[in-house]
Amino acid sequence: MTEAGRHRRWLFSLWVLVASCALGNIAIAQTNDSGDLSFELVDPNVLRVCADPRNLPFSNEKGEGFENKLAELFADKLKKKLDYVFFPQATGFVRMTLGAHRCDVIMGFPQGDDIVQGTNPYYRTTYALVAKAGSGLEDVDTLEDPKLKGKHVGIVAGTPPATNMAIAGLMSDAKPYPLMIDTRYDNSAQAMIDDLAAGKIDAGVLWGPMAGYYAKKVGSLHVTPLVKETTGPKLVYRIGMGVRPADQNWKRQLNKLIQENQAEINKILIDFGVPLLDESDKPLGAETAKKTP
C-alpha cells in the first residue's frame, strides 16, 4: 500500500499500519435488522474518531488537520458530539484504537488495505515531486527524467516511490528519511522540506497531501504529481475511511455521507493543498472537484 494509509498523513501511514486489527477484549456484536447502530458504535451519540495526535496535515490534538475538519463536517451532519482517541500512527495504531473499540472510524485509509474495512473512497491522490521554484526541475513529471540524474533527491525509505527511484538509478545520490517514526517527536516530511529549503537536497518525493500542504505553507515550492511512471509501482491511491469489518450499517452511513457531501469534502482537501486526481489522473481544480473521485 501507500503511505496514503504512517504519514496519511496517512500515506506514510499506508506502510506502517502493519499491525493486525485485533479486536481487543471487547467482542463485536451483530447489528440488528432495524439498522440500529448502537450495537456497532462505542457510543451512538458521539462520533469517536481514531487519530494521530501530531500528524499534520492529516490530524493533530488541536483539530488543525484536514481529517479533523472532515470529522467536524461529519459530526455536524450526524448531529453528534465529536470526540477523539489519539494514538501515534505507527505499528499498533489500528489494534490500539479501532480494534480495541475505543473509537469507530479512521478518517483516512487506503482502499484495498484489508487491515480494516474501507468505505467508498472520498479522494484520489498520488505521490509528488517537490522542488524549489526556479530550480529548473519544475517541469519534471516522472522520476525517469534525465534532469534528475546526479541530483540529491529526498525519499522516505520504504515507500513505493523508493522502488521507482531505484529503477531510475537515483538511489546512489538520494537522501533517505525514516518511515517508522513516532510523530509526537519526529517528522520526516518537515525534515525533508527543511533540507530542501536549505539546499541540502535538490528535490524531494512526498505523499501528495504532505507535498501540497508544505508547499502551500512555505510558498516557494513547486509540486508535480507523479502520475506518469512507466516502471515500478503505481503511485496513485484512492483514500476512504476505515471501520471494523462487522460494522456494515456504519459503513453504509459513512458512504452516504461521503456521497452527499463530496463537494464540501473536496473544498476542505483543496484548501489544504491536497493534489486531487480524477479517474484519468487529471488534476481536479476548485471547480471540477465537485465531482466524485
C-alpha atoms as a PDB file:
ATOM      1  CA  MET A   1       0.000   0.000   0.000  1.00  0.00           C
ATOM      2  CA  THR A   2       0.949   3.585   0.236  1.00  0.00           C
ATOM      3  CA  GLU A   3       1.600   5.919   2.983  1.00  0.00           C
ATOM      4  CA  ALA A   4      -1.637   7.155   1.904  1.00  0.00           C
ATOM      5  CA  GLY A   5      -2.683   4.830   4.773  1.00  0.00           C
ATOM      6  CA  ARG A   6       2.431   6.292   8.631  1.00  0.00           C
ATOM      7  CA  HIS A   7       2.408   9.776   7.162  1.00  0.00           C
ATOM      8  CA  ARG A   8      -1.772   9.812   5.526  1.00  0.00           C
ATOM      9  CA  ARG A   9      -0.547  11.612   6.817  1.00  0.00           C
ATOM     10  CA  TRP A  10      -1.804   8.989   6.008  1.00  0.00           C
ATOM     11  CA  LEU A  11       0.352   7.728   3.339  1.00  0.00           C
ATOM     12  CA  PHE A  12       3.451   7.491   5.411  1.00  0.00           C
ATOM     13  CA  SER A  13       0.611   5.747   7.276  1.00  0.00           C
ATOM     14  CA  LEU A  14      -0.046   3.440   4.392  1.00  0.00           C
ATOM     15  CA  TRP A  15       3.059   1.426   5.022  1.00  0.00           C
ATOM     16  CA  VAL A  16       3.346   1.404   8.766  1.00  0.00           C
ATOM     17  CA  LEU A  17      -0.156   0.259   9.638  1.00  0.00           C
ATOM     18  CA  VAL A  18       1.004  -3.351   9.554  1.00  0.00           C
ATOM     19  CA  ALA A  19      -0.325  -4.487  12.868  1.00  0.00           C
ATOM     20  CA  SER A  20      -3.201  -6.940  12.965  1.00  0.00           C
ATOM     21  CA  CYS A  21      -6.616  -5.408  13.501  1.00  0.00           C
ATOM     22  CA  ALA A  22      -7.228  -7.382  16.675  1.00  0.00           C
ATOM     23  CA  LEU A  23     -10.479  -6.804  18.454  1.00  0.00           C
ATOM     24  CA  GLY A  24      -9.061  -6.465  21.954  1.00  0.00           C
ATOM     25  CA  ASN A  25     -11.132  -7.712  24.870  1.00  0.00           C
ATOM     26  CA  ILE A  26     -14.425  -6.394  23.573  1.00  0.00           C
ATOM     27  CA  ALA A  27     -16.401  -8.643  21.248  1.00  0.00           C
ATOM     28  CA  ILE A  28     -18.171  -7.189  18.233  1.00  0.00           C
ATOM     29  CA  ALA A  29     -21.913  -7.628  18.440  1.00  0.00           C
ATOM     30  CA  GLN A  30     -24.030  -8.087  15.340  1.00  0.00           C
ATOM     31  CA  THR A  31     -26.249  -5.204  14.309  1.00  0.00           C
ATOM     32  CA  ASN A  32     -29.970  -5.800  14.235  1.00  0.00           C
ATOM     33  CA  ASP A  33     -32.266  -5.614  11.213  1.00  0.00           C
ATOM     34  CA  SER A  34     -33.594  -2.191  12.144  1.00  0.00           C
ATOM     35  CA  GLY A  35     -30.257  -0.580  11.352  1.00  0.00           C
ATOM     36  CA  ASP A  36     -29.661   0.458  14.947  1.00  0.00           C
ATOM     37  CA  LEU A  37     -26.004   1.470  15.123  1.00  0.00           C
ATOM     38  CA  SER A  38     -25.868   1.173  18.896  1.00  0.00           C
ATOM     39  CA  PHE A  39     -24.616  -2.399  18.507  1.00  0.00           C
ATOM     40  CA  GLU A  40     -21.790  -1.240  16.257  1.00  0.00           C
ATOM     41  CA  LEU A  41     -20.619   2.044  17.707  1.00  0.00           C
ATOM     42  CA  VAL A  42     -18.876   2.751  21.002  1.00  0.00           C
ATOM     43  CA  ASP A  43     -21.449   5.469  21.659  1.00  0.00           C
ATOM     44  CA  PRO A  44     -24.171   6.112  19.025  1.00  0.00           C
ATOM     45  CA  ASN A  45     -24.482   9.725  20.211  1.00  0.00           C
ATOM     46  CA  VAL A  46     -20.788  10.538  19.713  1.00  0.00           C
ATOM     47  CA  LEU A  47     -18.638  10.447  16.586  1.00  0.00           C
ATOM     48  CA  ARG A  48     -15.498   8.845  18.024  1.00  0.00           C
ATOM     49  CA  VAL A  49     -12.538   9.253  15.686  1.00  0.00           C
ATOM     50  CA  CYS A  50      -9.235   7.350  15.805  1.00  0.00           C
ATOM     51  CA  ALA A  51      -6.456   9.830  15.001  1.00  0.00           C
ATOM     52  CA  ASP A  52      -2.792  10.673  15.287  1.00  0.00           C
ATOM     53  CA  PRO A  53      -2.128  13.484  17.802  1.00  0.00           C
ATOM     54  CA  ARG A  54       0.654  15.085  15.764  1.00  0.00           C
ATOM     55  CA  ASN A  55       0.450  14.316  12.076  1.00  0.00           C
ATOM     56  CA  LEU A  56      -0.350  17.413  10.046  1.00  0.00           C
ATOM     57  CA  PRO A  57      -1.755  17.925   7.520  1.00  0.00           C
ATOM     58  CA  PHE A  58      -3.951  14.967   8.484  1.00  0.00           C
ATOM     59  CA  SER A  59      -4.711  15.445  12.178  1.00  0.00           C
ATOM     60  CA  ASN A  60      -3.483  16.767  15.493  1.00  0.00           C
ATOM     61  CA  GLU A  61      -4.774  17.310  19.015  1.00  0.00           C
ATOM     62  CA  LYS A  62      -5.635  20.934  18.213  1.00  0.00           C
ATOM     63  CA  GLY A  63      -8.004  19.923  15.409  1.00  0.00           C
ATOM     64  CA  GLU A  64      -5.933  21.658  12.730  1.00  0.00           C
ATOM     65  CA  GLY A  65      -5.674  18.876  10.123  1.00  0.00           C
ATOM     66  CA  PHE A  66      -7.938  18.196   7.170  1.00  0.00           C
ATOM     67  CA  GLU A  67      -9.097  14.932   8.709  1.00  0.00           C
ATOM     68  CA  ASN A  68     -10.093  16.928  11.795  1.00  0.00           C
ATOM     69  CA  LYS A  69     -12.109  19.230   9.549  1.00  0.00           C
ATOM     70  CA  LEU A  70     -13.752  16.266   7.829  1.00  0.00           C
ATOM     71  CA  ALA A  71     -14.628  14.795  11.219  1.00  0.00           C
ATOM     72  CA  GLU A  72     -16.196  18.124  12.222  1.00  0.00           C
ATOM     73  CA  LEU A  73     -18.196  18.145   8.990  1.00  0.00           C
ATOM     74  CA  PHE A  74     -19.485  14.613   9.560  1.00  0.00           C
ATOM     75  CA  ALA A  75     -20.265  15.227  13.229  1.00  0.00           C
ATOM     76  CA  ASP A  76     -22.330  18.239  12.209  1.00  0.00           C
ATOM     77  CA  LYS A  77     -24.206  16.260   9.544  1.00  0.00           C
ATOM     78  CA  LEU A  78     -24.849  13.417  12.006  1.00  0.00           C
ATOM     79  CA  LYS A  79     -25.851  15.811  14.816  1.00  0.00           C
ATOM     80  CA  LYS A  80     -23.350  14.099  17.096  1.00  0.00           C
ATOM     81  CA  LYS A  81     -20.732  15.273  19.536  1.00  0.00           C
ATOM     82  CA  LEU A  82     -17.179  14.819  18.230  1.00  0.00           C
ATOM     83  CA  ASP A  83     -14.544  13.038  20.303  1.00  0.00           C
ATOM     84  CA  TYR A  84     -11.103  11.569  19.571  1.00  0.00           C
ATOM     85  CA  VAL A  85      -8.890   8.726  20.660  1.00  0.00           C
ATOM     86  CA  PHE A  86      -5.328   9.765  19.843  1.00  0.00           C
ATOM     87  CA  PHE A  87      -2.530   7.292  19.221  1.00  0.00           C
ATOM     88  CA  PRO A  88       0.665   7.643  17.125  1.00  0.00           C
ATOM     89  CA  GLN A  89       0.052   6.318  13.629  1.00  0.00           C
ATOM     90  CA  ALA A  90       2.685   3.634  13.715  1.00  0.00           C
ATOM     91  CA  THR A  91       2.708  -0.106  14.350  1.00  0.00           C
ATOM     92  CA  GLY A  92      -0.229  -0.956  16.603  1.00  0.00           C
ATOM     93  CA  PHE A  93      -2.365   2.052  15.649  1.00  0.00           C
ATOM     94  CA  VAL A  94      -5.354   0.052  14.377  1.00  0.00           C
ATOM     95  CA  ARG A  95      -5.124  -2.563  17.114  1.00  0.00           C
ATOM     96  CA  MET A  96      -4.985   0.012  19.909  1.00  0.00           C
ATOM     97  CA  THR A  97      -7.769   2.249  18.574  1.00  0.00           C
ATOM     98  CA  LEU A  98     -10.378   0.859  16.176  1.00  0.00           C
ATOM     99  CA  GLY A  99      -9.647  -2.769  17.004  1.00  0.00           C
ATOM    100  CA  ALA A 100      -9.943  -2.149  20.742  1.00  0.00           C
ATOM    101  CA  HIS A 101     -13.357  -0.437  20.285  1.00  0.00           C
ATOM    102  CA  ARG A 102     -12.025   2.810  21.686  1.00  0.00           C
ATOM    103  CA  CYS A 103     -13.241   4.683  18.585  1.00  0.00           C
ATOM    104  CA  ASP A 104     -15.320   3.959  15.485  1.00  0.00           C
ATOM    105  CA  VAL A 105     -13.672   5.419  12.369  1.00  0.00           C
ATOM    106  CA  ILE A 106     -10.260   6.212  10.921  1.00  0.00           C
ATOM    107  CA  MET A 107     -10.804   9.253   8.711  1.00  0.00           C
ATOM    108  CA  GLY A 108      -8.244   8.330   6.066  1.00  0.00           C
ATOM    109  CA  PHE A 109      -7.283   4.856   4.914  1.00  0.00           C
ATOM    110  CA  PRO A 110      -6.040   3.498   1.572  1.00  0.00           C
ATOM    111  CA  GLN A 111      -8.521   1.485  -0.440  1.00  0.00           C
ATOM    112  CA  GLY A 112      -7.502  -2.156  -0.710  1.00  0.00           C
ATOM    113  CA  ASP A 113      -5.781  -2.423   2.667  1.00  0.00           C
ATOM    114  CA  ASP A 114      -7.503  -5.313   4.453  1.00  0.00           C
ATOM    115  CA  ILE A 115      -6.402  -4.324   7.978  1.00  0.00           C
ATOM    116  CA  VAL A 116      -9.773  -2.583   8.259  1.00  0.00           C
ATOM    117  CA  GLN A 117     -12.964  -2.461   6.232  1.00  0.00           C
ATOM    118  CA  GLY A 118     -12.866   0.539   3.932  1.00  0.00           C
ATOM    119  CA  THR A 119     -15.664   2.869   2.913  1.00  0.00           C
ATOM    120  CA  ASN A 120     -16.037   4.166  -0.597  1.00  0.00           C
ATOM    121  CA  PRO A 121     -13.080   6.430  -1.445  1.00  0.00           C
ATOM    122  CA  TYR A 122     -13.559  10.155  -0.964  1.00  0.00           C
ATOM    123  CA  TYR A 123     -10.411  11.275  -2.753  1.00  0.00           C
ATOM    124  CA  ARG A 124      -7.761  10.065  -5.139  1.00  0.00           C
ATOM    125  CA  THR A 125      -4.209  11.372  -4.997  1.00  0.00           C
ATOM    126  CA  THR A 126      -0.583  10.446  -5.613  1.00  0.00           C
ATOM    127  CA  TYR A 127       2.996  10.848  -4.525  1.00  0.00           C
ATOM    128  CA  ALA A 128       4.555  14.043  -5.827  1.00  0.00           C
ATOM    129  CA  LEU A 129       7.913  15.609  -6.619  1.00  0.00           C
ATOM    130  CA  VAL A 130       8.628  18.805  -4.676  1.00  0.00           C
ATOM    131  CA  ALA A 131      11.269  21.259  -5.892  1.00  0.00           C
ATOM    132  CA  LYS A 132      12.135  24.913  -5.396  1.00  0.00           C
ATOM    133  CA  ALA A 133      10.573  27.365  -7.798  1.00  0.00           C
ATOM    134  CA  GLY A 134      13.281  28.386 -10.271  1.00  0.00           C
ATOM    135  CA  SER A 135      15.299  25.214  -9.771  1.00  0.00           C
ATOM    136  CA  GLY A 136      14.819  24.033 -13.339  1.00  0.00           C
ATOM    137  CA  LEU A 137      13.031  20.924 -12.080  1.00  0.00           C
ATOM    138  CA  GLU A 138       9.510  22.326 -12.181  1.00  0.00           C
ATOM    139  CA  ASP A 139       8.684  20.550 -15.435  1.00  0.00           C
ATOM    140  CA  VAL A 140       9.972  17.153 -14.287  1.00  0.00           C
ATOM    141  CA  ASP A 141       6.905  14.894 -14.160  1.00  0.00           C
ATOM    142  CA  THR A 142       8.495  11.455 -13.841  1.00  0.00           C
ATOM    143  CA  LEU A 143      11.345  10.006 -11.801  1.00  0.00           C
ATOM    144  CA  GLU A 144      12.819   8.687 -15.054  1.00  0.00           C
ATOM    145  CA  ASP A 145      13.514  12.227 -16.294  1.00  0.00           C
ATOM    146  CA  PRO A 146      17.251  12.656 -17.124  1.00  0.00           C
ATOM    147  CA  LYS A 147      17.225  16.021 -15.322  1.00  0.00           C
ATOM    148  CA  LEU A 148      17.197  14.140 -12.020  1.00  0.00           C
ATOM    149  CA  LYS A 149      20.401  12.230 -12.747  1.00  0.00           C
ATOM    150  CA  GLY A 150      23.060  13.237 -10.240  1.00  0.00           C
ATOM    151  CA  LYS A 151      20.590  15.246  -8.175  1.00  0.00           C
ATOM    152  CA  HIS A 152      20.170  14.765  -4.452  1.00  0.00           C
ATOM    153  CA  VAL A 153      16.550  13.671  -4.087  1.00  0.00           C
ATOM    154  CA  GLY A 154      14.924  13.126  -0.708  1.00  0.00           C
ATOM    155  CA  ILE A 155      12.829   9.993  -0.243  1.00  0.00           C
ATOM    156  CA  VAL A 156      11.071   8.380   2.705  1.00  0.00           C
ATOM    157  CA  ALA A 157      12.664   4.927   2.940  1.00  0.00           C
ATOM    158  CA  GLY A 158      10.350   2.003   2.308  1.00  0.00           C
ATOM    159  CA  THR A 159       7.632   3.965   0.486  1.00  0.00           C
ATOM    160  CA  PRO A 160       6.543   2.960  -3.055  1.00  0.00           C
ATOM    161  CA  PRO A 161       8.433   5.694  -4.960  1.00  0.00           C
ATOM    162  CA  ALA A 162      11.716   4.426  -3.474  1.00  0.00           C
ATOM    163  CA  THR A 163      11.353   1.467  -5.841  1.00  0.00           C
ATOM    164  CA  ASN A 164      10.774   3.788  -8.793  1.00  0.00           C
ATOM    165  CA  MET A 165      13.824   5.808  -7.829  1.00  0.00           C
ATOM    166  CA  ALA A 166      15.957   2.675  -7.601  1.00  0.00           C
ATOM    167  CA  ILE A 167      14.852   1.591 -11.081  1.00  0.00           C
ATOM    168  CA  ALA A 168      15.655   5.088 -12.386  1.00  0.00           C
ATOM    169  CA  GLY A 169      19.167   4.881 -10.870  1.00  0.00           C
ATOM    170  CA  LEU A 170      18.644   7.742  -8.413  1.00  0.00           C
ATOM    171  CA  MET A 171      19.298   5.993  -5.101  1.00  0.00           C
ATOM    172  CA  SER A 172      23.080   6.443  -5.057  1.00  0.00           C
ATOM    173  CA  ASP A 173      22.606  10.210  -4.669  1.00  0.00           C
ATOM    174  CA  ALA A 174      19.352  10.066  -2.705  1.00  0.00           C
ATOM    175  CA  LYS A 175      18.888  11.162   0.881  1.00  0.00           C
ATOM    176  CA  PRO A 176      16.646   8.748   2.827  1.00  0.00           C
ATOM    177  CA  TYR A 177      14.335   9.794   5.650  1.00  0.00           C
ATOM    178  CA  PRO A 178      12.907   7.290   8.171  1.00  0.00           C
ATOM    179  CA  LEU A 179       9.445   5.839   7.713  1.00  0.00           C
ATOM    180  CA  MET A 180       8.944   4.278  11.137  1.00  0.00           C
ATOM    181  CA  ILE A 181       8.792   7.265  13.465  1.00  0.00           C
ATOM    182  CA  ASP A 182       6.724   8.497  16.383  1.00  0.00           C
ATOM    183  CA  THR A 183       5.034  11.630  15.085  1.00  0.00           C
ATOM    184  CA  ARG A 184       4.985  13.121  18.573  1.00  0.00           C
ATOM    185  CA  TYR A 185       8.758  13.587  18.331  1.00  0.00           C
ATOM    186  CA  ASP A 186       9.800  13.320  14.672  1.00  0.00           C
ATOM    187  CA  ASN A 187       8.551  14.480  11.296  1.00  0.00           C
ATOM    188  CA  SER A 188      10.261  13.116   8.193  1.00  0.00           C
ATOM    189  CA  ALA A 189       8.282  15.352   5.836  1.00  0.00           C
ATOM    190  CA  GLN A 190       9.202  18.506   7.729  1.00  0.00           C
ATOM    191  CA  ALA A 191      12.863  17.423   7.831  1.00  0.00           C
ATOM    192  CA  MET A 192      12.816  16.876   4.066  1.00  0.00           C
ATOM    193  CA  ILE A 193      11.244  20.276   3.402  1.00  0.00           C
ATOM    194  CA  ASP A 194      13.773  21.966   5.716  1.00  0.00           C
ATOM    195  CA  ASP A 195      16.626  20.289   3.824  1.00  0.00           C
ATOM    196  CA  LEU A 196      15.124  21.373   0.504  1.00  0.00           C
ATOM    197  CA  ALA A 197      14.863  24.978   1.703  1.00  0.00           C
ATOM    198  CA  ALA A 198      18.466  24.863   2.955  1.00  0.00           C
ATOM    199  CA  GLY A 199      19.768  23.481  -0.345  1.00  0.00           C
ATOM    200  CA  LYS A 200      20.849  20.160   1.176  1.00  0.00           C
ATOM    201  CA  ILE A 201      18.723  18.304  -1.370  1.00  0.00           C
ATOM    202  CA  ASP A 202      17.607  19.337  -4.860  1.00  0.00           C
ATOM    203  CA  ALA A 203      14.123  17.850  -4.698  1.00  0.00           C
ATOM    204  CA  GLY A 204      12.003  15.555  -2.569  1.00  0.00           C
ATOM    205  CA  VAL A 205       9.362  12.894  -3.116  1.00  0.00           C
ATOM    206  CA  LEU A 206       6.451  13.001  -0.687  1.00  0.00           C
ATOM    207  CA  TRP A 207       2.943  11.646  -0.395  1.00  0.00           C
ATOM    208  CA  GLY A 208       0.736  14.163  -2.220  1.00  0.00           C
ATOM    209  CA  PRO A 209      -1.238  15.570   0.729  1.00  0.00           C
ATOM    210  CA  MET A 210       2.004  16.287   2.568  1.00  0.00           C
ATOM    211  CA  ALA A 211       3.706  17.719  -0.508  1.00  0.00           C
ATOM    212  CA  GLY A 212       0.801  20.076  -1.184  1.00  0.00           C
ATOM    213  CA  TYR A 213       0.465  21.115   2.442  1.00  0.00           C
ATOM    214  CA  TYR A 214       4.123  22.023   2.907  1.00  0.00           C
ATOM    215  CA  ALA A 215       4.395  23.715  -0.469  1.00  0.00           C
ATOM    216  CA  LYS A 216       1.435  25.895   0.434  1.00  0.00           C
ATOM    217  CA  LYS A 217       2.945  26.581   3.835  1.00  0.00           C
ATOM    218  CA  VAL A 218       6.397  27.518   2.521  1.00  0.00           C
ATOM    219  CA  GLY A 219       5.125  29.321  -0.563  1.00  0.00           C
ATOM    220  CA  SER A 220       8.161  28.877  -2.841  1.00  0.00           C
ATOM    221  CA  LEU A 221       7.896  25.208  -3.732  1.00  0.00           C
ATOM    222  CA  HIS A 222       6.559  23.537  -6.854  1.00  0.00           C
ATOM    223  CA  VAL A 223       4.580  20.286  -6.592  1.00  0.00           C
ATOM    224  CA  THR A 224       4.301  17.864  -9.515  1.00  0.00           C
ATOM    225  CA  PRO A 225       2.008  14.823  -9.150  1.00  0.00           C
ATOM    226  CA  LEU A 226       3.852  11.661 -10.242  1.00  0.00           C
ATOM    227  CA  VAL A 227       1.214  10.069 -12.461  1.00  0.00           C
ATOM    228  CA  LYS A 228       3.387   9.207 -15.471  1.00  0.00           C
ATOM    229  CA  GLU A 229       5.605   6.479 -14.043  1.00  0.00           C
ATOM    230  CA  THR A 230       6.104   3.618 -16.517  1.00  0.00           C
ATOM    231  CA  THR A 231       8.168   1.354 -14.258  1.00  0.00           C
ATOM    232  CA  GLY A 232       7.847   0.356 -10.630  1.00  0.00           C
ATOM    233  CA  PRO A 233       4.640   0.539  -8.587  1.00  0.00           C
ATOM    234  CA  LYS A 234       1.853   2.915  -9.499  1.00  0.00           C
ATOM    235  CA  LEU A 235       1.933   5.878  -7.154  1.00  0.00           C
ATOM    236  CA  VAL A 236      -1.750   6.836  -7.263  1.00  0.00           C
ATOM    237  CA  TYR A 237      -4.125   5.703  -4.499  1.00  0.00           C
ATOM    238  CA  ARG A 238      -7.778   6.016  -3.525  1.00  0.00           C
ATOM    239  CA  ILE A 239      -8.408   7.004   0.074  1.00  0.00           C
ATOM    240  CA  GLY A 240     -11.524   6.170   2.060  1.00  0.00           C
ATOM    241  CA  MET A 241     -12.300   5.752   5.742  1.00  0.00           C
ATOM    242  CA  GLY A 242     -11.686   2.688   7.892  1.00  0.00           C
ATOM    243  CA  VAL A 243     -14.190   0.873  10.115  1.00  0.00           C
ATOM    244  CA  ARG A 244     -14.359  -2.533  11.779  1.00  0.00           C
ATOM    245  CA  PRO A 245     -15.198  -5.470   9.468  1.00  0.00           C
ATOM    246  CA  ALA A 246     -18.513  -6.184  11.221  1.00  0.00           C
ATOM    247  CA  ASP A 247     -19.764  -2.577  11.161  1.00  0.00           C
ATOM    248  CA  GLN A 248     -21.801  -2.836   7.964  1.00  0.00           C
ATOM    249  CA  ASN A 249     -24.526  -0.308   8.804  1.00  0.00           C
ATOM    250  CA  TRP A 250     -21.947   2.209   9.983  1.00  0.00           C
ATOM    251  CA  LYS A 251     -20.021   1.786   6.739  1.00  0.00           C
ATOM    252  CA  ARG A 252     -23.192   2.372   4.705  1.00  0.00           C
ATOM    253  CA  GLN A 253     -23.933   5.513   6.690  1.00  0.00           C
ATOM    254  CA  LEU A 254     -20.428   6.856   6.054  1.00  0.00           C
ATOM    255  CA  ASN A 255     -20.734   6.018   2.346  1.00  0.00           C
ATOM    256  CA  LYS A 256     -23.951   8.037   2.231  1.00  0.00           C
ATOM    257  CA  LEU A 257     -22.269  10.971   3.979  1.00  0.00           C
ATOM    258  CA  ILE A 258     -19.381  10.883   1.513  1.00  0.00           C
ATOM    259  CA  GLN A 259     -21.720  10.827  -1.476  1.00  0.00           C
ATOM    260  CA  GLU A 260     -23.919  13.641  -0.189  1.00  0.00           C
ATOM    261  CA  ASN A 261     -21.051  15.908   0.900  1.00  0.00           C
ATOM    262  CA  GLN A 262     -18.393  15.315  -1.763  1.00  0.00           C
ATOM    263  CA  ALA A 263     -18.247  18.980  -2.789  1.00  0.00           C
ATOM    264  CA  GLU A 264     -17.614  20.114   0.796  1.00  0.00           C
ATOM    265  CA  ILE A 265     -15.076  17.330   1.281  1.00  0.00           C
ATOM    266  CA  ASN A 266     -13.199  18.390  -1.843  1.00  0.00           C
ATOM    267  CA  LYS A 267     -13.145  22.018  -0.742  1.00  0.00           C
ATOM    268  CA  ILE A 268     -11.524  21.058   2.568  1.00  0.00           C
ATOM    269  CA  LEU A 269      -8.913  18.965   0.756  1.00  0.00           C
ATOM    270  CA  ILE A 270      -8.123  21.681  -1.787  1.00  0.00           C
ATOM    271  CA  ASP A 271      -7.826  24.293   0.971  1.00  0.00           C
ATOM    272  CA  PHE A 272      -5.064  22.109   2.458  1.00  0.00           C
ATOM    273  CA  GLY A 273      -3.264  21.807  -0.879  1.00  0.00           C
ATOM    274  CA  VAL A 274      -4.087  18.127  -1.464  1.00  0.00           C
ATOM    275  CA  PRO A 275      -3.471  17.336  -5.171  1.00  0.00           C
ATOM    276  CA  LEU A 276      -6.753  15.707  -6.202  1.00  0.00           C
ATOM    277  CA  LEU A 277      -6.981  13.488  -9.286  1.00  0.00           C
ATOM    278  CA  ASP A 278      -9.874  12.206 -11.348  1.00  0.00           C
ATOM    279  CA  GLU A 279     -10.022   8.627 -12.639  1.00  0.00           C
ATOM    280  CA  SER A 280      -7.924   9.636 -15.658  1.00  0.00           C
ATOM    281  CA  ASP A 281      -5.172  11.026 -13.402  1.00  0.00           C
ATOM    282  CA  LYS A 282      -6.064  14.569 -14.396  1.00  0.00           C
ATOM    283  CA  PRO A 283      -5.831  17.230 -11.661  1.00  0.00           C
ATOM    284  CA  LEU A 284      -9.098  18.392 -10.120  1.00  0.00           C
ATOM    285  CA  GLY A 285      -9.291  22.124  -9.561  1.00  0.00           C
ATOM    286  CA  ALA A 286     -11.679  24.075  -7.376  1.00  0.00           C
ATOM    287  CA  GLU A 287     -14.444  23.912  -9.989  1.00  0.00           C
ATOM    288  CA  THR A 288     -14.105  20.346 -11.249  1.00  0.00           C
ATOM    289  CA  ALA A 289     -13.531  18.968  -7.754  1.00  0.00           C
ATOM    290  CA  LYS A 290     -17.283  18.879  -7.206  1.00  0.00           C
ATOM    291  CA  LYS A 291     -17.244  15.509  -8.965  1.00  0.00           C
ATOM    292  CA  THR A 292     -16.950  12.242  -7.042  1.00  0.00           C
ATOM    293  CA  PRO A 293     -13.401  10.786  -7.294  1.00  0.00           C
END
